Amino acid sequence: EGAGDAPPPPAPAAEDPVHEAYLALAEDRLDGRIAQVVSTKSLRERYGLTLGQVQALVARVEREGWIERRAGYGLRFTAMLSTPDALLQTYRFRMAMEPAALLEPGYALDREKARECRRTEEVMLAGGAESMPAEELYDRGVRFHELVVAGSRNPFFLDALRRINSVRRLLAYRSSASRGRYYAQARDHLEILDLLEAGRNEEASRRLRSHLGHVIRNLAAIRPILERHRVR
């Protein structure tokens, strides 16, 4: 699914041209309809944006790590996951790594960030899972998992998770088309927080492993959504 310093921003208005262009760009990249190297001008023309709007679009995508500025001219899309099998491999690695992080000596959960995550999961259970934009659903999962791994105080665990999260973003967006499973995920997240806050890390570790195992099984059900196209 880094622990942030602030709760997620409100969902953008549907008529926001930058947000609409962002979603279109994500789909175009995932479907292989756009080249790996592009220019700001080509993006502006493709999505009908003003100069200020395309600058905001590029800044957002660059901040999320799936595009970077070339040394000379233009922009280059960074490496990303483009197949269900690759996404499955990331979850299998996470199922081995994340539960182990909870068992590190000196584990200490950031209680303030845990409260922020808890509020978000409660919003999900109250119906937010149906209305949150795909990128917000993804970021909420990232915040939770990076929060619980960061408690290990072992930077190698957190660095590994952040690297995975940076390359699976777009395929994870597509998987959000199937929303029902997010309710079970939110309940799992809350249970894991309860266990960690009670100092029951071994139980939390087992619960986290089970949680990631459920996600892996769910991937099989949504595989047709994930493999509509392949990035060229």
C-alpha atoms as a PDB file:
ATOM      1  CA  GLU A   1       0.000   0.000   0.000  1.00  0.00           C
ATOM      2  CA  GLY A   2       6.276   7.845   3.654  1.00  0.00           C
ATOM      3  CA  ALA A   3       4.253   8.212   6.530  1.00  0.00           C
ATOM      4  CA  GLY A   4       3.106  11.781   5.949  1.00  0.00           C
ATOM      5  CA  ASP A   5       3.162  14.727   8.272  1.00  0.00           C
ATOM      6  CA  ALA A   6      -0.370  15.764   7.377  1.00  0.00           C
ATOM      7  CA  PRO A   7      -3.693  14.104   6.577  1.00  0.00           C
ATOM      8  CA  PRO A   8      -4.492  13.586   2.902  1.00  0.00           C
ATOM      9  CA  PRO A   9      -5.674  16.646   0.968  1.00  0.00           C
ATOM     10  CA  PRO A  10      -9.329  16.953   0.026  1.00  0.00           C
ATOM     11  CA  ALA A  11     -10.364  15.383  -3.262  1.00  0.00           C
ATOM     12  CA  PRO A  12      -9.910  17.770  -6.201  1.00  0.00           C
ATOM     13  CA  ALA A  13     -13.012  19.128  -7.858  1.00  0.00           C
ATOM     14  CA  ALA A  14     -14.101  17.075 -10.849  1.00  0.00           C
ATOM     15  CA  GLU A  15     -13.780  20.111 -13.138  1.00  0.00           C
ATOM     16  CA  ASP A  16     -10.154  20.781 -12.142  1.00  0.00           C
ATOM     17  CA  PRO A  17      -8.338  20.617 -15.519  1.00  0.00           C
ATOM     18  CA  VAL A  18      -4.993  19.764 -13.908  1.00  0.00           C
ATOM     19  CA  HIS A  19      -6.501  16.840 -12.017  1.00  0.00           C
ATOM     20  CA  GLU A  20      -8.326  15.607 -15.112  1.00  0.00           C
ATOM     21  CA  ALA A  21      -5.104  15.848 -17.131  1.00  0.00           C
ATOM     22  CA  TYR A  22      -3.261  13.980 -14.369  1.00  0.00           C
ATOM     23  CA  LEU A  23      -5.704  11.070 -14.563  1.00  0.00           C
ATOM     24  CA  ALA A  24      -5.553  11.054 -18.369  1.00  0.00           C
ATOM     25  CA  LEU A  25      -1.743  11.099 -18.308  1.00  0.00           C
ATOM     26  CA  ALA A  26      -1.652   8.178 -15.860  1.00  0.00           C
ATOM     27  CA  GLU A  27      -3.916   6.113 -18.108  1.00  0.00           C
ATOM     28  CA  ASP A  28      -2.025   7.115 -21.253  1.00  0.00           C
ATOM     29  CA  ARG A  29       1.273   6.095 -19.687  1.00  0.00           C
ATOM     30  CA  LEU A  30      -0.065   2.813 -18.350  1.00  0.00           C
ATOM     31  CA  ASP A  31      -1.664   1.981 -21.707  1.00  0.00           C
ATOM     32  CA  GLY A  32       1.475   2.825 -23.675  1.00  0.00           C
ATOM     33  CA  ARG A  33      -0.144   5.687 -25.583  1.00  0.00           C
ATOM     34  CA  ILE A  34       2.590   8.180 -24.745  1.00  0.00           C
ATOM     35  CA  ALA A  35       6.328   8.057 -25.378  1.00  0.00           C
ATOM     36  CA  GLN A  36       8.865   7.622 -22.590  1.00  0.00           C
ATOM     37  CA  VAL A  37      10.398  11.044 -23.376  1.00  0.00           C
ATOM     38  CA  VAL A  38       8.056  14.020 -23.722  1.00  0.00           C
ATOM     39  CA  SER A  39       8.203  17.804 -23.575  1.00  0.00           C
ATOM     40  CA  THR A  40       6.180  20.249 -21.516  1.00  0.00           C
ATOM     41  CA  LYS A  41       4.875  21.683 -24.806  1.00  0.00           C
ATOM     42  CA  SER A  42       3.636  18.281 -25.998  1.00  0.00           C
ATOM     43  CA  LEU A  43       1.850  17.669 -22.698  1.00  0.00           C
ATOM     44  CA  ARG A  44       0.274  21.101 -22.833  1.00  0.00           C
ATOM     45  CA  GLU A  45      -1.069  20.470 -26.333  1.00  0.00           C
ATOM     46  CA  ARG A  46      -2.146  16.882 -25.659  1.00  0.00           C
ATOM     47  CA  TYR A  47      -4.269  17.763 -22.624  1.00  0.00           C
ATOM     48  CA  GLY A  48      -5.369  21.283 -23.607  1.00  0.00           C
ATOM     49  CA  LEU A  49      -3.718  23.050 -20.674  1.00  0.00           C
ATOM     50  CA  THR A  50      -2.446  26.547 -20.086  1.00  0.00           C
ATOM     51  CA  LEU A  51       1.231  27.091 -19.348  1.00  0.00           C
ATOM     52  CA  GLY A  52       0.526  27.405 -15.625  1.00  0.00           C
ATOM     53  CA  GLN A  53      -1.622  24.276 -15.631  1.00  0.00           C
ATOM     54  CA  VAL A  54       0.951  22.114 -17.407  1.00  0.00           C
ATOM     55  CA  GLN A  55       3.618  23.337 -14.996  1.00  0.00           C
ATOM     56  CA  ALA A  56       1.385  22.287 -12.087  1.00  0.00           C
ATOM     57  CA  LEU A  57       0.795  18.908 -13.749  1.00  0.00           C
ATOM     58  CA  VAL A  58       4.500  18.257 -14.275  1.00  0.00           C
ATOM     59  CA  ALA A  59       5.322  19.388 -10.726  1.00  0.00           C
ATOM     60  CA  ARG A  60       2.804  16.934  -9.280  1.00  0.00           C
ATOM     61  CA  VAL A  61       3.968  13.978 -11.372  1.00  0.00           C
ATOM     62  CA  GLU A  62       7.611  14.818 -10.681  1.00  0.00           C
ATOM     63  CA  ARG A  63       6.886  15.012  -6.958  1.00  0.00           C
ATOM     64  CA  GLU A  64       5.268  11.576  -7.091  1.00  0.00           C
ATOM     65  CA  GLY A  65       8.371  10.180  -8.770  1.00  0.00           C
ATOM     66  CA  TRP A  66       7.092   8.839 -12.077  1.00  0.00           C
ATOM     67  CA  ILE A  67       8.641  11.506 -14.276  1.00  0.00           C
ATOM     68  CA  GLU A  68      11.984  13.293 -14.139  1.00  0.00           C
ATOM     69  CA  ARG A  69      13.630  16.187 -15.961  1.00  0.00           C
ATOM     70  CA  ARG A  70      16.340  15.274 -18.433  1.00  0.00           C
ATOM     71  CA  ALA A  71      19.730  16.956 -18.196  1.00  0.00           C
ATOM     72  CA  GLY A  72      19.332  18.573 -21.601  1.00  0.00           C
ATOM     73  CA  TYR A  73      15.738  18.871 -22.734  1.00  0.00           C
ATOM     74  CA  GLY A  74      12.383  17.382 -21.958  1.00  0.00           C
ATOM     75  CA  LEU A  75      10.981  14.941 -19.437  1.00  0.00           C
ATOM     76  CA  ARG A  76      11.450  11.196 -19.071  1.00  0.00           C
ATOM     77  CA  PHE A  77       9.036   8.759 -17.447  1.00  0.00           C
ATOM     78  CA  THR A  78      10.767   6.695 -14.778  1.00  0.00           C
ATOM     79  CA  ALA A  79      10.645   2.926 -14.339  1.00  0.00           C
ATOM     80  CA  MET A  80       7.282   1.612 -13.204  1.00  0.00           C
ATOM     81  CA  LEU A  81       5.473  -1.670 -12.780  1.00  0.00           C
ATOM     82  CA  SER A  82       3.347  -2.548 -15.779  1.00  0.00           C
ATOM     83  CA  THR A  83       2.294  -6.189 -15.290  1.00  0.00           C
ATOM     84  CA  PRO A  84       0.233  -8.041 -12.675  1.00  0.00           C
ATOM     85  CA  ASP A  85       3.082 -10.511 -12.158  1.00  0.00           C
ATOM     86  CA  ALA A  86       5.479  -7.721 -11.225  1.00  0.00           C
ATOM     87  CA  LEU A  87       2.938  -6.277  -8.801  1.00  0.00           C
ATOM     88  CA  LEU A  88       2.487  -9.723  -7.256  1.00  0.00           C
ATOM     89  CA  GLN A  89       6.240  -9.992  -6.729  1.00  0.00           C
ATOM     90  CA  THR A  90       6.284  -6.708  -4.801  1.00  0.00           C
ATOM     91  CA  TYR A  91       3.574  -7.993  -2.463  1.00  0.00           C
ATOM     92  CA  ARG A  92       5.411 -11.272  -1.896  1.00  0.00           C
ATOM     93  CA  PHE A  93       8.534  -9.328  -0.977  1.00  0.00           C
ATOM     94  CA  ARG A  94       6.527  -7.054   1.303  1.00  0.00           C
ATOM     95  CA  MET A  95       4.896 -10.071   2.983  1.00  0.00           C
ATOM     96  CA  ALA A  96       8.394 -11.249   3.959  1.00  0.00           C
ATOM     97  CA  MET A  97       9.774  -7.835   4.900  1.00  0.00           C
ATOM     98  CA  GLU A  98       7.032  -5.781   6.571  1.00  0.00           C
ATOM     99  CA  PRO A  99       6.048  -8.246   9.324  1.00  0.00           C
ATOM    100  CA  ALA A 100       9.752  -8.645  10.179  1.00  0.00           C
ATOM    101  CA  ALA A 101      10.056  -4.862  10.635  1.00  0.00           C
ATOM    102  CA  LEU A 102       7.470  -4.983  13.424  1.00  0.00           C
ATOM    103  CA  LEU A 103       9.700  -7.374  15.387  1.00  0.00           C
ATOM    104  CA  GLU A 104      12.812  -5.187  15.368  1.00  0.00           C
ATOM    105  CA  PRO A 105      14.311  -4.396  18.829  1.00  0.00           C
ATOM    106  CA  GLY A 106      13.297  -0.942  19.998  1.00  0.00           C
ATOM    107  CA  TYR A 107      10.240  -0.778  17.759  1.00  0.00           C
ATOM    108  CA  ALA A 108       8.322   2.452  18.470  1.00  0.00           C
ATOM    109  CA  LEU A 109       5.177   3.508  16.636  1.00  0.00           C
ATOM    110  CA  ASP A 110       4.716   7.236  15.986  1.00  0.00           C
ATOM    111  CA  ARG A 111       1.491   7.750  17.947  1.00  0.00           C
ATOM    112  CA  GLU A 112       0.553  11.075  16.370  1.00  0.00           C
ATOM    113  CA  LYS A 113       0.829   9.743  12.823  1.00  0.00           C
ATOM    114  CA  ALA A 114      -0.969   6.592  13.924  1.00  0.00           C
ATOM    115  CA  ARG A 115      -3.910   8.753  15.035  1.00  0.00           C
ATOM    116  CA  GLU A 116      -3.955  10.417  11.603  1.00  0.00           C
ATOM    117  CA  CYS A 117      -3.977   7.011   9.893  1.00  0.00           C
ATOM    118  CA  ARG A 118      -6.722   5.797  12.202  1.00  0.00           C
ATOM    119  CA  ARG A 119      -8.940   8.762  11.278  1.00  0.00           C
ATOM    120  CA  THR A 120      -8.414   8.041   7.584  1.00  0.00           C
ATOM    121  CA  GLU A 121      -9.330   4.360   7.970  1.00  0.00           C
ATOM    122  CA  GLU A 122     -12.479   5.324   9.870  1.00  0.00           C
ATOM    123  CA  VAL A 123     -13.438   7.649   7.009  1.00  0.00           C
ATOM    124  CA  MET A 124     -12.909   4.722   4.639  1.00  0.00           C
ATOM    125  CA  LEU A 125     -15.280   2.528   6.630  1.00  0.00           C
ATOM    126  CA  ALA A 126     -17.867   5.306   6.704  1.00  0.00           C
ATOM    127  CA  GLY A 127     -18.053   5.259   2.901  1.00  0.00           C
ATOM    128  CA  GLY A 128     -14.915   7.068   1.850  1.00  0.00           C
ATOM    129  CA  ALA A 129     -13.760   3.952   0.011  1.00  0.00           C
ATOM    130  CA  GLU A 130     -16.432   4.660  -2.595  1.00  0.00           C
ATOM    131  CA  SER A 131     -15.685   8.350  -3.112  1.00  0.00           C
ATOM    132  CA  MET A 132     -11.927   8.806  -2.671  1.00  0.00           C
ATOM    133  CA  PRO A 133      -9.954   9.430  -5.879  1.00  0.00           C
ATOM    134  CA  ALA A 134      -7.674   6.560  -6.884  1.00  0.00           C
ATOM    135  CA  GLU A 135      -4.517   8.451  -6.001  1.00  0.00           C
ATOM    136  CA  GLU A 136      -5.830   9.259  -2.535  1.00  0.00           C
ATOM    137  CA  LEU A 137      -6.708   5.602  -1.931  1.00  0.00           C
ATOM    138  CA  TYR A 138      -3.170   4.692  -2.903  1.00  0.00           C
ATOM    139  CA  ASP A 139      -1.522   7.379  -0.776  1.00  0.00           C
ATOM    140  CA  ARG A 140      -3.591   6.385   2.245  1.00  0.00           C
ATOM    141  CA  GLY A 141      -2.262   2.821   1.984  1.00  0.00           C
ATOM    142  CA  VAL A 142       1.289   4.097   1.528  1.00  0.00           C
ATOM    143  CA  ARG A 143       1.023   6.232   4.650  1.00  0.00           C
ATOM    144  CA  PHE A 144      -0.207   3.324   6.752  1.00  0.00           C
ATOM    145  CA  HIS A 145       2.377   0.777   5.654  1.00  0.00           C
ATOM    146  CA  GLU A 146       5.290   3.190   5.757  1.00  0.00           C
ATOM    147  CA  LEU A 147       4.170   4.313   9.219  1.00  0.00           C
ATOM    148  CA  VAL A 148       4.197   0.803  10.693  1.00  0.00           C
ATOM    149  CA  VAL A 149       7.509  -0.081   9.004  1.00  0.00           C
ATOM    150  CA  ALA A 150       9.107   3.212  10.107  1.00  0.00           C
ATOM    151  CA  GLY A 151       8.493   2.152  13.719  1.00  0.00           C
ATOM    152  CA  SER A 152      11.278  -0.419  13.290  1.00  0.00           C
ATOM    153  CA  ARG A 153      13.830   2.436  13.394  1.00  0.00           C
ATOM    154  CA  ASN A 154      15.707   0.447  10.746  1.00  0.00           C
ATOM    155  CA  PRO A 155      16.138   2.656   7.658  1.00  0.00           C
ATOM    156  CA  PHE A 156      16.775  -0.305   5.356  1.00  0.00           C
ATOM    157  CA  PHE A 157      13.236  -1.622   5.844  1.00  0.00           C
ATOM    158  CA  LEU A 158      11.699   1.771   5.126  1.00  0.00           C
ATOM    159  CA  ASP A 159      13.945   2.482   2.144  1.00  0.00           C
ATOM    160  CA  ALA A 160      13.009  -0.854   0.536  1.00  0.00           C
ATOM    161  CA  LEU A 161       9.293  -0.163   0.983  1.00  0.00           C
ATOM    162  CA  ARG A 162       9.552   3.370  -0.397  1.00  0.00           C
ATOM    163  CA  ARG A 163      11.352   2.120  -3.502  1.00  0.00           C
ATOM    164  CA  ILE A 164       8.581  -0.377  -4.150  1.00  0.00           C
ATOM    165  CA  ASN A 165       5.872   2.212  -3.584  1.00  0.00           C
ATOM    166  CA  SER A 166       7.470   4.610  -6.059  1.00  0.00           C
ATOM    167  CA  VAL A 167       7.268   2.150  -8.967  1.00  0.00           C
ATOM    168  CA  ARG A 168       3.868   0.543  -8.356  1.00  0.00           C
ATOM    169  CA  ARG A 169       1.784   3.716  -8.134  1.00  0.00           C
ATOM    170  CA  LEU A 170       0.125   3.695 -11.552  1.00  0.00           C
ATOM    171  CA  LEU A 171      -0.759   0.009 -11.594  1.00  0.00           C
ATOM    172  CA  ALA A 172      -2.173   0.445  -8.087  1.00  0.00           C
ATOM    173  CA  TYR A 173      -4.377   3.275  -9.425  1.00  0.00           C
ATOM    174  CA  ARG A 174      -5.870   0.899 -11.939  1.00  0.00           C
ATOM    175  CA  SER A 175      -6.553  -1.707  -9.262  1.00  0.00           C
ATOM    176  CA  SER A 176      -8.726   0.830  -7.412  1.00  0.00           C
ATOM    177  CA  ALA A 177     -11.480   0.197  -9.966  1.00  0.00           C
ATOM    178  CA  SER A 178     -12.547  -2.641  -7.650  1.00  0.00           C
ATOM    179  CA  ARG A 179     -13.477  -0.870  -4.410  1.00  0.00           C
ATOM    180  CA  GLY A 180     -15.237  -3.403  -2.202  1.00  0.00           C
ATOM    181  CA  ARG A 181     -12.017  -4.875  -0.826  1.00  0.00           C
ATOM    182  CA  TYR A 182     -10.991  -1.539   0.716  1.00  0.00           C
ATOM    183  CA  TYR A 183     -13.431  -2.003   3.596  1.00  0.00           C
ATOM    184  CA  ALA A 184     -11.680  -5.197   4.703  1.00  0.00           C
ATOM    185  CA  GLN A 185      -8.306  -3.497   4.269  1.00  0.00           C
ATOM    186  CA  ALA A 186      -9.395  -0.598   6.481  1.00  0.00           C
ATOM    187  CA  ARG A 187     -10.558  -2.997   9.213  1.00  0.00           C
ATOM    188  CA  ASP A 188      -7.218  -4.836   8.984  1.00  0.00           C
ATOM    189  CA  HIS A 189      -5.300  -1.573   9.291  1.00  0.00           C
ATOM    190  CA  LEU A 190      -7.239  -0.573  12.389  1.00  0.00           C
ATOM    191  CA  GLU A 191      -6.688  -3.969  14.003  1.00  0.00           C
ATOM    192  CA  ILE A 192      -2.933  -3.782  13.332  1.00  0.00           C
ATOM    193  CA  LEU A 193      -2.795  -0.295  14.858  1.00  0.00           C
ATOM    194  CA  ASP A 194      -4.679  -1.560  17.924  1.00  0.00           C
ATOM    195  CA  LEU A 195      -2.154  -4.376  18.405  1.00  0.00           C
ATOM    196  CA  LEU A 196       0.888  -2.134  17.939  1.00  0.00           C
ATOM    197  CA  GLU A 197      -0.462   0.496  20.319  1.00  0.00           C
ATOM    198  CA  ALA A 198      -0.985  -2.262  22.901  1.00  0.00           C
ATOM    199  CA  GLY A 199       2.609  -3.424  22.472  1.00  0.00           C
ATOM    200  CA  ARG A 200       1.499  -6.764  21.005  1.00  0.00           C
ATOM    201  CA  ASN A 201       3.974  -6.683  18.146  1.00  0.00           C
ATOM    202  CA  GLU A 202       4.170 -10.405  17.505  1.00  0.00           C
ATOM    203  CA  GLU A 203       0.414 -10.553  16.994  1.00  0.00           C
ATOM    204  CA  ALA A 204       0.562  -7.405  14.869  1.00  0.00           C
ATOM    205  CA  SER A 205       3.287  -8.987  12.743  1.00  0.00           C
ATOM    206  CA  ARG A 206       1.186 -12.091  12.123  1.00  0.00           C
ATOM    207  CA  ARG A 207      -1.858  -9.952  11.350  1.00  0.00           C
ATOM    208  CA  LEU A 208       0.119  -7.842   8.895  1.00  0.00           C
ATOM    209  CA  ARG A 209       1.375 -10.945   7.103  1.00  0.00           C
ATOM    210  CA  SER A 210      -2.186 -12.248   6.846  1.00  0.00           C
ATOM    211  CA  HIS A 211      -3.348  -8.835   5.587  1.00  0.00           C
ATOM    212  CA  LEU A 212      -0.789  -8.798   2.779  1.00  0.00           C
ATOM    213  CA  GLY A 213      -1.684 -12.388   1.956  1.00  0.00           C
ATOM    214  CA  HIS A 214      -5.310 -11.340   1.465  1.00  0.00           C
ATOM    215  CA  VAL A 215      -4.169  -8.581  -0.892  1.00  0.00           C
ATOM    216  CA  ILE A 216      -2.222 -11.124  -2.934  1.00  0.00           C
ATOM    217  CA  ARG A 217      -5.302 -13.322  -3.244  1.00  0.00           C
ATOM    218  CA  ASN A 218      -7.396 -10.320  -4.270  1.00  0.00           C
ATOM    219  CA  LEU A 219      -4.976  -9.571  -7.107  1.00  0.00           C
ATOM    220  CA  ALA A 220      -6.102 -12.742  -8.852  1.00  0.00           C
ATOM    221  CA  ALA A 221      -9.688 -11.489  -8.890  1.00  0.00           C
ATOM    222  CA  ILE A 222      -8.787  -8.131 -10.452  1.00  0.00           C
ATOM    223  CA  ARG A 223      -6.132  -9.422 -12.852  1.00  0.00           C
ATOM    224  CA  PRO A 224      -8.262  -8.622 -15.957  1.00  0.00           C
ATOM    225  CA  ILE A 225      -8.369  -4.975 -14.839  1.00  0.00           C
ATOM    226  CA  LEU A 226      -4.623  -4.855 -14.320  1.00  0.00           C
ATOM    227  CA  GLU A 227      -3.610  -6.417 -17.622  1.00  0.00           C
ATOM    228  CA  ARG A 228      -5.800  -4.422 -20.000  1.00  0.00           C
ATOM    229  CA  HIS A 229      -2.669  -3.035 -21.616  1.00  0.00           C
ATOM    230  CA  ARG A 230       1.072  -3.102 -21.188  1.00  0.00           C
ATOM    231  CA  VAL A 231       3.373  -0.074 -21.133  1.00  0.00           C
ATOM    232  CA  ARG A 232       5.663  -0.046 -24.147  1.00  0.00           C
END
